[in-house]
Amino acid sequence: MWTQYLIWIFLGIGLTFNGLGAIGLLRFPDVYTRLHAATKATTFGSIFTSLAVVTFAFTQLYLNGKMANLQLGLHTIVAIASLLLTNPVGAHAIARAAHRSGVKPEKAVVDKLAEVKK
């Protein structure tokens, strides 16, 4: 069925971006670039792996008619929404706390937060 190919495509995209986020977390030089890799890439990857789960759940609902699949799909959609809301807020809070504690960006050209403090 064509939905199985769509599920595999979603999983491939999601795993690729989660892997790139993990590599960026290990390779980047400072907390800000690591935070960028960890939040941007893994959020995108997690959305696509969750879309694979939603596609699977609604396909099974259509084929089998079991309401447990509807519940799985709806819970995954709620998880995607909370992921989209909490990841940027958490990343912003971590970056701001790092800056306030004195951790400066290593290779930054412009530091707007330091300019505001002056």
N, C-alpha and C. Protein backbone atom coordinates (compact mmCIF):
# COMPACT_ATOMS: atom_id res chain seq x y z
N MET A 1 0.83 -1.18 0.00
CA MET A 1 0.00 0.00 0.00
C MET A 1 0.88 1.26 0.00
N TRP A 2 0.41 2.33 -0.56
CA TRP A 2 1.22 3.54 -0.69
C TRP A 2 1.47 4.21 0.66
N THR A 3 0.61 3.99 1.64
CA THR A 3 0.84 4.62 2.95
C THR A 3 2.06 4.02 3.65
N GLN A 4 2.37 2.77 3.36
CA GLN A 4 3.58 2.19 3.95
C GLN A 4 4.83 2.91 3.44
N TYR A 5 4.84 3.26 2.17
CA TYR A 5 5.97 4.02 1.63
C TYR A 5 6.05 5.40 2.28
N LEU A 6 4.89 6.01 2.50
CA LEU A 6 4.86 7.31 3.15
C LEU A 6 5.39 7.22 4.59
N ILE A 7 5.01 6.16 5.29
CA ILE A 7 5.50 5.95 6.65
C ILE A 7 7.02 5.79 6.65
N TRP A 8 7.55 5.01 5.71
CA TRP A 8 9.00 4.82 5.64
C TRP A 8 9.72 6.11 5.28
N ILE A 9 9.12 6.92 4.42
CA ILE A 9 9.72 8.22 4.07
C ILE A 9 9.75 9.13 5.30
N PHE A 10 8.63 9.19 6.03
CA PHE A 10 8.59 10.00 7.26
C PHE A 10 9.63 9.53 8.26
N LEU A 11 9.73 8.22 8.44
CA LEU A 11 10.72 7.69 9.38
C LEU A 11 12.15 7.99 8.93
N GLY A 12 12.40 7.88 7.64
CA GLY A 12 13.73 8.18 7.12
C GLY A 12 14.12 9.63 7.34
N ILE A 13 13.19 10.54 7.05
CA ILE A 13 13.46 11.97 7.27
C ILE A 13 13.66 12.24 8.75
N GLY A 14 12.80 11.69 9.58
CA GLY A 14 12.91 11.91 11.02
C GLY A 14 14.20 11.39 11.61
N LEU A 15 14.58 10.18 11.25
CA LEU A 15 15.82 9.61 11.78
C LEU A 15 17.04 10.35 11.26
N THR A 16 16.99 10.81 10.01
CA THR A 16 18.10 11.59 9.47
C THR A 16 18.31 12.88 10.25
N PHE A 17 17.24 13.62 10.49
CA PHE A 17 17.38 14.88 11.21
C PHE A 17 17.71 14.68 12.68
N ASN A 18 17.18 13.63 13.30
CA ASN A 18 17.57 13.35 14.69
C ASN A 18 19.05 12.97 14.76
N GLY A 19 19.52 12.22 13.79
CA GLY A 19 20.94 11.87 13.74
C GLY A 19 21.82 13.09 13.52
N LEU A 20 21.39 13.99 12.61
CA LEU A 20 22.14 15.22 12.39
C LEU A 20 22.16 16.10 13.63
N GLY A 21 21.06 16.12 14.37
CA GLY A 21 21.03 16.88 15.62
C GLY A 21 21.99 16.31 16.65
N ALA A 22 22.06 14.98 16.72
CA ALA A 22 23.00 14.35 17.65
C ALA A 22 24.44 14.62 17.25
N ILE A 23 24.73 14.57 15.97
CA ILE A 23 26.08 14.87 15.50
C ILE A 23 26.43 16.33 15.79
N GLY A 24 25.49 17.23 15.54
CA GLY A 24 25.71 18.65 15.84
C GLY A 24 25.93 18.89 17.32
N LEU A 25 25.24 18.14 18.14
CA LEU A 25 25.42 18.27 19.59
C LEU A 25 26.82 17.86 20.02
N LEU A 26 27.38 16.90 19.34
CA LEU A 26 28.73 16.45 19.68
C LEU A 26 29.82 17.30 19.04
N ARG A 27 29.56 17.88 17.88
CA ARG A 27 30.60 18.53 17.10
C ARG A 27 30.70 20.05 17.28
N PHE A 28 29.60 20.72 17.60
CA PHE A 28 29.63 22.17 17.64
C PHE A 28 30.41 22.68 18.85
N PRO A 29 31.00 23.90 18.76
CA PRO A 29 31.96 24.34 19.76
C PRO A 29 31.38 24.87 21.07
N ASP A 30 30.26 25.57 21.04
CA ASP A 30 29.78 26.18 22.28
C ASP A 30 28.33 25.81 22.56
N VAL A 31 27.85 26.29 23.69
CA VAL A 31 26.52 25.90 24.15
C VAL A 31 25.42 26.41 23.21
N TYR A 32 25.63 27.54 22.59
CA TYR A 32 24.59 28.14 21.76
C TYR A 32 24.41 27.38 20.44
N THR A 33 25.51 27.03 19.81
CA THR A 33 25.39 26.27 18.57
C THR A 33 24.94 24.84 18.85
N ARG A 34 25.35 24.28 19.96
CA ARG A 34 24.87 22.94 20.33
C ARG A 34 23.38 22.97 20.62
N LEU A 35 22.95 24.00 21.28
CA LEU A 35 21.53 24.16 21.58
C LEU A 35 20.73 24.31 20.30
N HIS A 36 21.28 25.04 19.35
CA HIS A 36 20.63 25.21 18.06
C HIS A 36 20.47 23.86 17.35
N ALA A 37 21.53 23.08 17.33
CA ALA A 37 21.46 21.76 16.68
C ALA A 37 20.48 20.84 17.40
N ALA A 38 20.53 20.88 18.72
CA ALA A 38 19.69 19.97 19.49
C ALA A 38 18.21 20.31 19.36
N THR A 39 17.88 21.58 19.28
CA THR A 39 16.46 21.93 19.24
C THR A 39 15.91 21.96 17.82
N LYS A 40 16.61 22.57 16.90
CA LYS A 40 16.05 22.72 15.55
C LYS A 40 15.97 21.38 14.82
N ALA A 41 17.09 20.68 14.77
CA ALA A 41 17.12 19.43 13.99
C ALA A 41 16.29 18.34 14.65
N THR A 42 16.39 18.21 15.96
CA THR A 42 15.64 17.13 16.60
C THR A 42 14.15 17.43 16.68
N THR A 43 13.76 18.70 16.74
CA THR A 43 12.34 19.02 16.67
C THR A 43 11.78 18.62 15.32
N PHE A 44 12.49 18.98 14.27
CA PHE A 44 12.06 18.62 12.91
C PHE A 44 12.03 17.10 12.76
N GLY A 45 13.03 16.42 13.26
CA GLY A 45 13.08 14.96 13.17
C GLY A 45 11.97 14.30 13.97
N SER A 46 11.71 14.81 15.16
CA SER A 46 10.66 14.24 15.99
C SER A 46 9.28 14.46 15.40
N ILE A 47 9.09 15.58 14.73
CA ILE A 47 7.81 15.82 14.06
C ILE A 47 7.60 14.79 12.96
N PHE A 48 8.63 14.50 12.19
CA PHE A 48 8.46 13.54 11.11
C PHE A 48 8.29 12.10 11.61
N THR A 49 8.98 11.73 12.68
CA THR A 49 8.75 10.39 13.22
C THR A 49 7.34 10.29 13.82
N SER A 50 6.87 11.38 14.41
CA SER A 50 5.50 11.39 14.92
C SER A 50 4.48 11.36 13.79
N LEU A 51 4.79 12.01 12.68
CA LEU A 51 3.89 11.94 11.51
C LEU A 51 3.81 10.52 10.96
N ALA A 52 4.90 9.77 11.08
CA ALA A 52 4.86 8.36 10.67
C ALA A 52 3.91 7.58 11.57
N VAL A 53 3.92 7.87 12.87
CA VAL A 53 3.01 7.19 13.80
C VAL A 53 1.56 7.58 13.51
N VAL A 54 1.31 8.86 13.24
CA VAL A 54 -0.05 9.31 12.93
C VAL A 54 -0.54 8.66 11.64
N THR A 55 0.31 8.60 10.63
CA THR A 55 -0.08 7.97 9.37
C THR A 55 -0.39 6.49 9.58
N PHE A 56 0.44 5.82 10.36
CA PHE A 56 0.19 4.41 10.66
C PHE A 56 -1.13 4.22 11.41
N ALA A 57 -1.35 5.06 12.44
CA ALA A 57 -2.56 4.92 13.26
C ALA A 57 -3.82 5.16 12.44
N PHE A 58 -3.83 6.19 11.62
CA PHE A 58 -5.04 6.48 10.84
C PHE A 58 -5.22 5.49 9.70
N THR A 59 -4.14 4.94 9.18
CA THR A 59 -4.27 3.88 8.17
C THR A 59 -4.88 2.63 8.80
N GLN A 60 -4.41 2.27 9.99
CA GLN A 60 -4.97 1.11 10.68
C GLN A 60 -6.42 1.35 11.08
N LEU A 61 -6.75 2.58 11.45
CA LEU A 61 -8.13 2.92 11.78
C LEU A 61 -9.02 2.75 10.55
N TYR A 62 -8.55 3.19 9.41
CA TYR A 62 -9.32 3.07 8.17
C TYR A 62 -9.49 1.60 7.78
N LEU A 63 -8.43 0.80 7.93
CA LEU A 63 -8.48 -0.60 7.51
C LEU A 63 -9.21 -1.48 8.51
N ASN A 64 -8.98 -1.29 9.81
CA ASN A 64 -9.51 -2.19 10.82
C ASN A 64 -10.68 -1.61 11.60
N GLY A 65 -10.76 -0.30 11.69
CA GLY A 65 -11.85 0.34 12.41
C GLY A 65 -11.73 0.30 13.92
N LYS A 66 -10.54 0.03 14.45
CA LYS A 66 -10.35 -0.02 15.90
C LYS A 66 -10.17 1.39 16.45
N MET A 67 -10.88 1.70 17.51
CA MET A 67 -10.82 3.03 18.09
C MET A 67 -9.51 3.29 18.83
N ALA A 68 -8.78 2.24 19.18
CA ALA A 68 -7.48 2.42 19.83
C ALA A 68 -6.51 3.13 18.89
N ASN A 69 -6.65 2.87 17.60
CA ASN A 69 -5.80 3.55 16.62
C ASN A 69 -6.12 5.04 16.54
N LEU A 70 -7.40 5.39 16.69
CA LEU A 70 -7.77 6.80 16.72
C LEU A 70 -7.16 7.48 17.94
N GLN A 71 -7.21 6.80 19.07
CA GLN A 71 -6.63 7.35 20.29
C GLN A 71 -5.12 7.54 20.15
N LEU A 72 -4.44 6.57 19.54
CA LEU A 72 -3.00 6.69 19.31
C LEU A 72 -2.69 7.88 18.41
N GLY A 73 -3.44 8.04 17.34
CA GLY A 73 -3.23 9.16 16.42
C GLY A 73 -3.46 10.50 17.08
N LEU A 74 -4.53 10.61 17.86
CA LEU A 74 -4.83 11.87 18.52
C LEU A 74 -3.81 12.20 19.61
N HIS A 75 -3.35 11.20 20.35
CA HIS A 75 -2.32 11.44 21.35
C HIS A 75 -1.01 11.89 20.70
N THR A 76 -0.70 11.33 19.56
CA THR A 76 0.52 11.73 18.87
C THR A 76 0.41 13.16 18.35
N ILE A 77 -0.77 13.55 17.89
CA ILE A 77 -0.98 14.93 17.43
C ILE A 77 -0.83 15.90 18.60
N VAL A 78 -1.34 15.54 19.77
CA VAL A 78 -1.17 16.37 20.96
C VAL A 78 0.31 16.44 21.35
N ALA A 79 1.03 15.33 21.21
CA ALA A 79 2.47 15.33 21.51
C ALA A 79 3.22 16.24 20.55
N ILE A 80 2.86 16.24 19.28
CA ILE A 80 3.50 17.14 18.30
C ILE A 80 3.25 18.59 18.69
N ALA A 81 2.01 18.91 19.06
CA ALA A 81 1.68 20.28 19.43
C ALA A 81 2.46 20.72 20.67
N SER A 82 2.56 19.85 21.66
CA SER A 82 3.32 20.24 22.85
C SER A 82 4.81 20.34 22.56
N LEU A 83 5.30 19.51 21.66
CA LEU A 83 6.70 19.60 21.25
C LEU A 83 6.98 20.93 20.56
N LEU A 84 6.07 21.36 19.70
CA LEU A 84 6.24 22.63 19.01
C LEU A 84 6.17 23.82 19.96
N LEU A 85 5.47 23.67 21.06
CA LEU A 85 5.36 24.77 22.01
C LEU A 85 6.50 24.78 23.03
N THR A 86 6.94 23.63 23.49
CA THR A 86 7.90 23.60 24.58
C THR A 86 9.35 23.66 24.14
N ASN A 87 9.69 23.12 22.98
CA ASN A 87 11.10 23.12 22.55
C ASN A 87 11.66 24.53 22.35
N PRO A 88 10.99 25.42 21.64
CA PRO A 88 11.56 26.77 21.50
C PRO A 88 11.65 27.53 22.83
N VAL A 89 10.65 27.35 23.68
CA VAL A 89 10.66 28.04 24.96
C VAL A 89 11.80 27.52 25.84
N GLY A 90 11.97 26.22 25.87
CA GLY A 90 13.06 25.63 26.66
C GLY A 90 14.43 26.03 26.14
N ALA A 91 14.58 26.04 24.83
CA ALA A 91 15.86 26.44 24.24
C ALA A 91 16.17 27.90 24.55
N HIS A 92 15.16 28.75 24.48
CA HIS A 92 15.36 30.16 24.79
C HIS A 92 15.76 30.34 26.25
N ALA A 93 15.10 29.61 27.14
CA ALA A 93 15.41 29.72 28.56
C ALA A 93 16.83 29.24 28.86
N ILE A 94 17.24 28.15 28.24
CA ILE A 94 18.60 27.63 28.46
C ILE A 94 19.64 28.61 27.92
N ALA A 95 19.40 29.15 26.72
CA ALA A 95 20.35 30.10 26.14
C ALA A 95 20.44 31.38 26.97
N ARG A 96 19.32 31.85 27.44
CA ARG A 96 19.34 33.07 28.25
C ARG A 96 20.04 32.83 29.59
N ALA A 97 19.81 31.67 30.18
CA ALA A 97 20.48 31.35 31.44
C ALA A 97 21.98 31.20 31.24
N ALA A 98 22.37 30.61 30.13
CA ALA A 98 23.80 30.48 29.85
C ALA A 98 24.44 31.85 29.67
N HIS A 99 23.76 32.75 28.98
CA HIS A 99 24.30 34.08 28.76
C HIS A 99 24.38 34.86 30.06
N ARG A 100 23.35 34.73 30.89
CA ARG A 100 23.36 35.45 32.18
C ARG A 100 24.42 34.91 33.13
N SER A 101 24.76 33.63 32.98
CA SER A 101 25.79 33.06 33.87
C SER A 101 27.19 33.35 33.38
N GLY A 102 27.31 34.05 32.27
CA GLY A 102 28.62 34.49 31.82
C GLY A 102 29.22 33.68 30.68
N VAL A 103 28.49 32.73 30.13
CA VAL A 103 28.99 31.95 29.00
C VAL A 103 28.77 32.77 27.74
N LYS A 104 29.85 33.20 27.12
CA LYS A 104 29.76 34.03 25.92
C LYS A 104 29.88 33.16 24.67
N PRO A 105 29.23 33.57 23.59
CA PRO A 105 29.38 32.84 22.33
C PRO A 105 30.82 32.93 21.84
N GLU A 106 31.37 31.81 21.35
CA GLU A 106 32.78 31.79 20.95
C GLU A 106 33.04 32.56 19.66
N LYS A 107 32.27 32.31 18.64
CA LYS A 107 32.55 32.90 17.34
C LYS A 107 31.43 33.80 16.86
N ALA A 108 30.73 34.43 17.77
CA ALA A 108 29.60 35.27 17.39
C ALA A 108 30.08 36.60 16.83
N VAL A 109 29.45 37.06 15.78
CA VAL A 109 29.77 38.36 15.19
C VAL A 109 29.01 39.45 15.95
N VAL A 110 27.76 39.15 16.28
CA VAL A 110 26.91 40.12 16.97
C VAL A 110 26.32 39.44 18.20
N ASP A 111 26.38 40.13 19.32
CA ASP A 111 25.76 39.64 20.55
C ASP A 111 24.75 40.68 20.99
N LYS A 112 23.51 40.55 20.54
CA LYS A 112 22.48 41.55 20.79
C LYS A 112 22.13 41.66 22.27
N LEU A 113 22.17 40.54 22.98
CA LEU A 113 21.82 40.58 24.40
C LEU A 113 22.85 41.37 25.20
N ALA A 114 24.11 41.26 24.84
CA ALA A 114 25.15 42.05 25.52
C ALA A 114 25.01 43.52 25.19
N GLU A 115 24.56 43.82 23.96
CA GLU A 115 24.36 45.22 23.58
C GLU A 115 23.21 45.84 24.35
N VAL A 116 22.19 45.05 24.64
CA VAL A 116 21.02 45.55 25.39
C VAL A 116 21.40 45.83 26.84
N LYS A 117 22.29 45.02 27.41
CA LYS A 117 22.69 45.19 28.80
C LYS A 117 23.47 46.49 29.03
N LYS A 118 24.17 46.98 28.00
CA LYS A 118 25.00 48.18 28.15
C LYS A 118 24.19 49.40 28.21
